[in-house]
Amino acid sequence: MTEPTSAPDPLIGRTLRAYELQEEIGISRWGKVYRAIQTSTNRLVAVRILSPELAAMPGKTNHFLEESRTDAALVHPHLVAVYEAGQTEGVYFCAMEYMDGPPLSQFLRKDGGVDEHRLLLTIVGVARALDFFWQRQIPHQPPQDKNVLTNADGTVKLINVEPIEMQPSQSPREDVLNLAVMFATLANDIAPVSKSISEFVETMMVREGHKQFASPGEVADAAEALDRKLFPPVKVVRSTIGQIRPKHVGPVAVAALGLLALALVAVAAWFWWHAHHPR
């Protein structure tokens, strides 16, 4: 008796416009997501494909394209960039920035504990993106760890902005509270954190009437300050041996040195003359 084998994915190896699909890397609410090569630029991208089941539903194709194009207009260092959305050969797709890091829960681990430097930088990145939404009054989902993608270089970015799966955030303060709960849950699942980090997250959760962060922007500023305090940049001291060079001597200085030399020669000649021709 042979074990059943899954049928090969017909999209792998296929090229949709300029995107050659290489491997399935995830599932979104719209359908499968593939790693691909953009053949025109030879760069890695992620391509989201609208599933045939959803494409068959009335209005879904338009919704998929509209959401993708809306996301493409949002440009921010902590938002996943969307490059193109369209349809080719009956397949609806959205090409976006490829994020090569691990899931957030793994991204925040280090030596069996919490990487507190990365934790603070992640709070900064997500809070900056949320503040960007509020400054432009863009409806968005409350922060969730599954919507935070990472890069191997330590960058974090939000994806899936549109509030589909839940009600949109109602206020900046609500985003701050949800952000605190998200990071407290992630950290608690890994290991205890230091007193400084614990107190910072607790301040994000503080009740009305007490000192609190009123917006994600304030959270980002405070997290950056705490990160500088706990993890100051390492200053590299470079040796200057062999690098000391004589200062440039200008023409005026050369002339002055020449006159001084002539004066010294004249004085020496005067002494020589009087030593050999006494009166």
Protein backbone atom coordinates (compact mmCIF):
# COMPACT_ATOMS: atom_id res chain seq x y z
CA MET A 1 0.00 0.00 0.00
CA THR A 2 1.54 3.29 -1.07
CA GLU A 3 1.14 6.53 0.77
CA PRO A 4 -0.92 9.15 -1.03
CA THR A 5 1.16 11.93 -2.56
CA SER A 6 0.01 15.49 -2.90
CA ALA A 7 -0.32 16.81 -6.41
CA PRO A 8 2.43 19.25 -7.47
CA ASP A 9 1.51 22.91 -7.34
CA PRO A 10 0.87 23.99 -10.94
CA LEU A 11 1.94 27.56 -10.18
CA ILE A 12 5.48 26.71 -9.06
CA GLY A 13 7.83 27.35 -11.95
CA ARG A 14 5.25 29.45 -13.74
CA THR A 15 5.94 33.08 -14.69
CA LEU A 16 3.20 35.64 -14.09
CA ARG A 17 4.20 38.70 -16.05
CA ALA A 18 7.73 39.35 -14.71
CA TYR A 19 7.46 37.08 -11.65
CA GLU A 20 8.76 33.52 -11.74
CA LEU A 21 7.19 31.62 -8.85
CA GLN A 22 9.72 29.44 -7.00
CA GLU A 23 8.25 28.16 -3.76
CA GLU A 24 5.19 28.46 -1.54
CA ILE A 25 6.12 30.34 1.64
CA GLY A 26 2.79 30.97 3.35
CA ILE A 27 -0.95 31.35 3.35
CA SER A 28 -2.78 34.67 3.55
CA ARG A 29 -6.47 35.38 3.87
CA TRP A 30 -6.52 35.76 0.07
CA GLY A 31 -4.66 32.58 -0.79
CA LYS A 32 -1.15 31.21 -1.15
CA VAL A 33 1.99 33.35 -1.02
CA TYR A 34 5.05 32.44 -3.08
CA ARG A 35 8.68 33.44 -3.15
CA ALA A 36 9.46 34.59 -6.67
CA ILE A 37 12.12 36.19 -8.82
CA GLN A 38 11.26 39.40 -10.59
CA THR A 39 12.99 38.56 -13.86
CA SER A 40 13.28 42.17 -15.04
CA THR A 41 15.37 43.15 -12.00
CA ASN A 42 16.55 39.76 -10.69
CA ARG A 43 15.29 40.56 -7.18
CA LEU A 44 13.44 38.34 -4.74
CA VAL A 45 9.80 39.25 -4.16
CA ALA A 46 6.75 37.74 -2.49
CA VAL A 47 3.72 37.14 -4.68
CA ARG A 48 0.26 36.73 -3.17
CA ILE A 49 -2.20 34.81 -5.32
CA LEU A 50 -5.97 35.15 -5.06
CA SER A 51 -7.33 31.64 -4.59
CA PRO A 52 -9.69 30.33 -7.32
CA GLU A 53 -12.42 29.83 -4.69
CA LEU A 54 -12.33 33.50 -3.67
CA ALA A 55 -11.92 34.69 -7.24
CA ALA A 56 -15.21 32.97 -8.08
CA MET A 57 -17.10 35.01 -5.45
CA PRO A 58 -18.81 38.22 -6.60
CA GLY A 59 -16.73 41.34 -5.98
CA LYS A 60 -13.70 39.52 -4.56
CA THR A 61 -11.37 40.17 -7.49
CA ASN A 62 -12.08 43.91 -7.38
CA HIS A 63 -11.63 43.94 -3.60
CA PHE A 64 -8.31 42.09 -3.91
CA LEU A 65 -6.97 44.55 -6.49
CA GLU A 66 -8.28 47.63 -4.66
CA GLU A 67 -6.70 46.57 -1.37
CA SER A 68 -3.38 45.80 -3.06
CA ARG A 69 -3.31 49.16 -4.83
CA THR A 70 -4.23 50.98 -1.62
CA ASP A 71 -1.35 49.27 0.18
CA ALA A 72 0.99 50.19 -2.69
CA ALA A 73 0.29 53.86 -2.00
CA LEU A 74 1.40 53.54 1.64
CA VAL A 75 5.13 54.20 1.73
CA HIS A 76 6.82 53.90 5.14
CA PRO A 77 10.04 52.25 6.41
CA HIS A 78 8.00 49.90 8.60
CA LEU A 79 5.33 48.86 6.10
CA VAL A 80 5.84 46.01 3.63
CA ALA A 81 6.12 47.60 0.19
CA VAL A 82 3.64 46.55 -2.48
CA TYR A 83 5.03 46.75 -6.02
CA GLU A 84 2.25 45.70 -8.36
CA ALA A 85 -1.19 44.09 -8.52
CA GLY A 86 -3.00 42.73 -11.51
CA GLN A 87 -4.32 39.79 -13.46
CA THR A 88 -2.67 37.63 -16.07
CA GLU A 89 -3.86 34.42 -17.71
CA GLY A 90 -6.82 34.30 -15.32
CA VAL A 91 -4.63 34.54 -12.17
CA TYR A 92 -4.94 37.52 -9.85
CA PHE A 93 -1.70 38.41 -8.06
CA CYS A 94 -0.03 41.00 -5.87
CA ALA A 95 3.78 41.37 -5.89
CA MET A 96 5.38 42.79 -2.75
CA GLU A 97 8.58 43.12 -0.77
CA TYR A 98 10.15 39.82 0.25
CA MET A 99 10.83 39.55 4.00
CA ASP A 100 13.41 36.86 4.73
CA GLY A 101 13.34 36.78 8.54
CA PRO A 102 11.74 34.27 10.93
CA PRO A 103 8.33 34.64 12.66
CA LEU A 104 8.27 37.36 15.31
CA SER A 105 8.20 34.86 18.20
CA GLN A 106 11.47 33.37 16.95
CA PHE A 107 12.93 36.73 15.92
CA LEU A 108 12.77 37.91 19.56
CA ARG A 109 14.64 34.90 20.99
CA LYS A 110 18.32 34.91 21.91
CA ASP A 111 20.26 32.28 23.89
CA GLY A 112 17.08 30.88 25.43
CA GLY A 113 15.80 34.28 26.53
CA VAL A 114 14.33 37.47 25.12
CA ASP A 115 16.51 39.61 22.87
CA GLU A 116 15.55 42.85 24.60
CA HIS A 117 17.39 45.04 22.10
CA ARG A 118 15.34 43.55 19.27
CA LEU A 119 12.20 43.73 21.38
CA LEU A 120 12.60 47.49 21.84
CA LEU A 121 13.46 48.05 18.18
CA THR A 122 10.39 46.03 17.18
CA ILE A 123 8.19 48.15 19.45
CA VAL A 124 9.70 51.24 17.81
CA GLY A 125 9.04 49.96 14.28
CA VAL A 126 5.46 48.84 14.83
CA ALA A 127 4.62 51.98 16.82
CA ARG A 128 6.03 54.21 14.05
CA ALA A 129 3.85 52.45 11.48
CA LEU A 130 0.75 52.82 13.67
CA ASP A 131 1.52 56.50 14.25
CA PHE A 132 1.81 56.92 10.47
CA PHE A 133 -1.75 55.58 10.13
CA TRP A 134 -3.16 57.95 12.72
CA GLN A 135 -1.41 61.00 11.28
CA ARG A 136 -3.12 60.26 7.96
CA GLN A 137 -6.39 58.93 9.41
CA ILE A 138 -5.98 55.55 7.69
CA PRO A 139 -8.32 52.83 9.05
CA HIS A 140 -6.25 49.83 10.10
CA GLN A 141 -6.28 46.61 12.07
CA PRO A 142 -5.14 46.59 15.70
CA PRO A 143 -1.54 45.35 15.95
CA GLN A 144 -1.16 41.56 15.84
CA ASP A 145 2.06 39.57 15.88
CA LYS A 146 1.03 37.60 12.76
CA ASN A 147 0.97 40.86 10.81
CA VAL A 148 4.55 41.78 11.78
CA LEU A 149 7.14 40.41 9.35
CA THR A 150 10.89 40.43 9.90
CA ASN A 151 14.09 40.65 7.89
CA ALA A 152 17.39 38.97 8.66
CA ASP A 153 18.97 42.43 9.05
CA GLY A 154 16.71 43.13 12.06
CA THR A 155 14.05 45.22 10.30
CA VAL A 156 10.37 44.71 11.15
CA LYS A 157 7.42 45.74 8.97
CA LEU A 158 3.63 45.58 9.15
CA ILE A 159 1.49 43.87 6.54
CA ASN A 160 -2.29 43.47 6.06
CA VAL A 161 -3.30 47.00 7.00
CA GLU A 162 -6.97 46.92 6.01
CA PRO A 163 -9.30 45.96 8.90
CA ILE A 164 -10.91 42.85 7.42
CA GLU A 165 -10.71 40.24 10.17
CA MET A 166 -11.68 42.59 13.02
CA GLN A 167 -12.96 46.06 13.77
CA PRO A 168 -10.52 48.89 13.02
CA SER A 169 -8.63 50.52 15.88
CA GLN A 170 -10.77 53.18 17.50
CA SER A 171 -8.08 55.44 18.94
CA PRO A 172 -4.30 55.87 19.23
CA ARG A 173 -4.55 54.93 22.89
CA GLU A 174 -6.27 51.65 21.97
CA ASP A 175 -3.37 50.83 19.66
CA VAL A 176 -0.93 51.50 22.52
CA LEU A 177 -2.80 49.07 24.78
CA ASN A 178 -2.99 46.38 22.09
CA LEU A 179 0.70 46.86 21.35
CA ALA A 180 1.54 46.38 25.03
CA VAL A 181 -0.56 43.20 25.28
CA MET A 182 1.01 41.80 22.12
CA PHE A 183 4.59 42.28 23.29
CA ALA A 184 3.88 41.20 26.86
CA THR A 185 2.36 37.96 25.54
CA LEU A 186 5.28 37.33 23.17
CA ALA A 187 7.87 37.95 25.90
CA ASN A 188 6.05 35.84 28.50
CA ASP A 189 6.02 32.90 26.08
CA ILE A 190 9.83 33.09 25.82
CA ALA A 191 11.31 34.04 29.20
CA PRO A 192 11.18 36.70 31.94
CA VAL A 193 12.45 40.13 30.93
CA SER A 194 14.48 42.69 32.86
CA LYS A 195 12.91 45.16 35.25
CA SER A 196 13.45 48.04 32.80
CA ILE A 197 11.57 46.30 30.00
CA SER A 198 8.81 45.09 32.31
CA GLU A 199 8.23 48.59 33.69
CA PHE A 200 8.19 50.07 30.20
CA VAL A 201 5.49 47.67 28.98
CA GLU A 202 3.50 48.24 32.17
CA THR A 203 3.60 51.99 31.51
CA MET A 204 2.01 51.32 28.12
CA MET A 205 -0.85 49.54 29.93
CA VAL A 206 -1.38 52.07 32.71
CA ARG A 207 -4.97 53.05 33.47
CA GLU A 208 -6.64 56.36 32.74
CA GLY A 209 -5.70 59.11 35.19
CA HIS A 210 -2.12 57.95 35.50
CA LYS A 211 0.96 58.85 33.50
CA GLN A 212 0.54 57.08 30.17
CA PHE A 213 1.44 57.11 26.49
CA ALA A 214 -1.28 58.83 24.51
CA SER A 215 -0.11 57.74 21.06
CA PRO A 216 2.08 55.17 19.31
CA GLY A 217 4.47 57.98 18.42
CA GLU A 218 5.13 58.66 22.10
CA VAL A 219 5.75 54.94 22.63
CA ALA A 220 8.27 54.88 19.78
CA ASP A 221 10.17 57.89 21.15
CA ALA A 222 10.33 56.39 24.66
CA ALA A 223 11.35 52.95 23.38
CA GLU A 224 14.17 54.51 21.34
CA ALA A 225 15.41 56.41 24.40
CA LEU A 226 15.31 53.27 26.56
CA ASP A 227 17.16 51.30 23.88
CA ARG A 228 19.94 53.93 23.76
CA LYS A 229 20.21 53.75 27.53
CA LEU A 230 20.28 49.95 27.81
CA PHE A 231 22.20 49.23 24.59
CA PRO A 232 24.43 52.24 23.80
CA PRO A 233 26.19 52.09 20.44
CA VAL A 234 29.70 50.67 20.63
CA LYS A 235 32.31 53.26 19.73
CA VAL A 236 35.13 51.91 17.58
CA VAL A 237 38.52 53.41 18.43
CA ARG A 238 40.88 53.23 15.49
CA SER A 239 44.64 53.25 15.87
CA THR A 240 46.37 56.33 14.43
CA ILE A 241 49.83 54.75 14.35
CA GLY A 242 51.22 55.10 10.85
CA GLN A 243 48.43 57.50 9.95
CA ILE A 244 50.07 60.70 11.24
CA ARG A 245 51.05 62.76 8.26
CA PRO A 246 52.87 66.08 8.11
CA LYS A 247 50.62 69.04 7.73
CA HIS A 248 50.54 70.73 4.38
CA VAL A 249 53.06 73.56 4.19
CA GLY A 250 51.84 76.53 2.24
CA PRO A 251 53.94 78.85 0.03
CA VAL A 252 54.09 81.62 2.67
CA ALA A 253 55.49 79.20 5.21
CA VAL A 254 58.07 77.97 2.67
CA ALA A 255 59.21 81.53 2.00
CA ALA A 256 59.49 82.26 5.72
CA LEU A 257 61.61 79.15 6.27
CA GLY A 258 63.86 80.16 3.35
CA LEU A 259 64.47 83.62 4.83
CA LEU A 260 65.23 82.09 8.22
CA ALA A 261 67.79 79.76 6.63
CA LEU A 262 69.47 82.68 4.83
CA ALA A 263 69.61 84.65 8.07
CA LEU A 264 71.28 81.76 9.87
CA VAL A 265 73.85 81.42 7.07
CA ALA A 266 74.57 85.15 7.24
CA VAL A 267 75.08 85.06 11.02
CA ALA A 268 77.39 82.03 10.74
CA ALA A 269 79.42 83.79 8.01
CA TRP A 270 79.76 86.94 10.15
CA PHE A 271 81.16 84.94 13.09
CA TRP A 272 83.56 83.06 10.76
CA TRP A 273 84.88 86.28 9.25
CA HIS A 274 85.54 87.94 12.60
CA ALA A 275 87.13 84.77 13.96
CA HIS A 276 89.66 84.71 11.09
CA HIS A 277 90.20 88.48 10.63
CA PRO A 278 90.70 89.93 14.08
CA ARG A 279 91.30 93.65 14.28
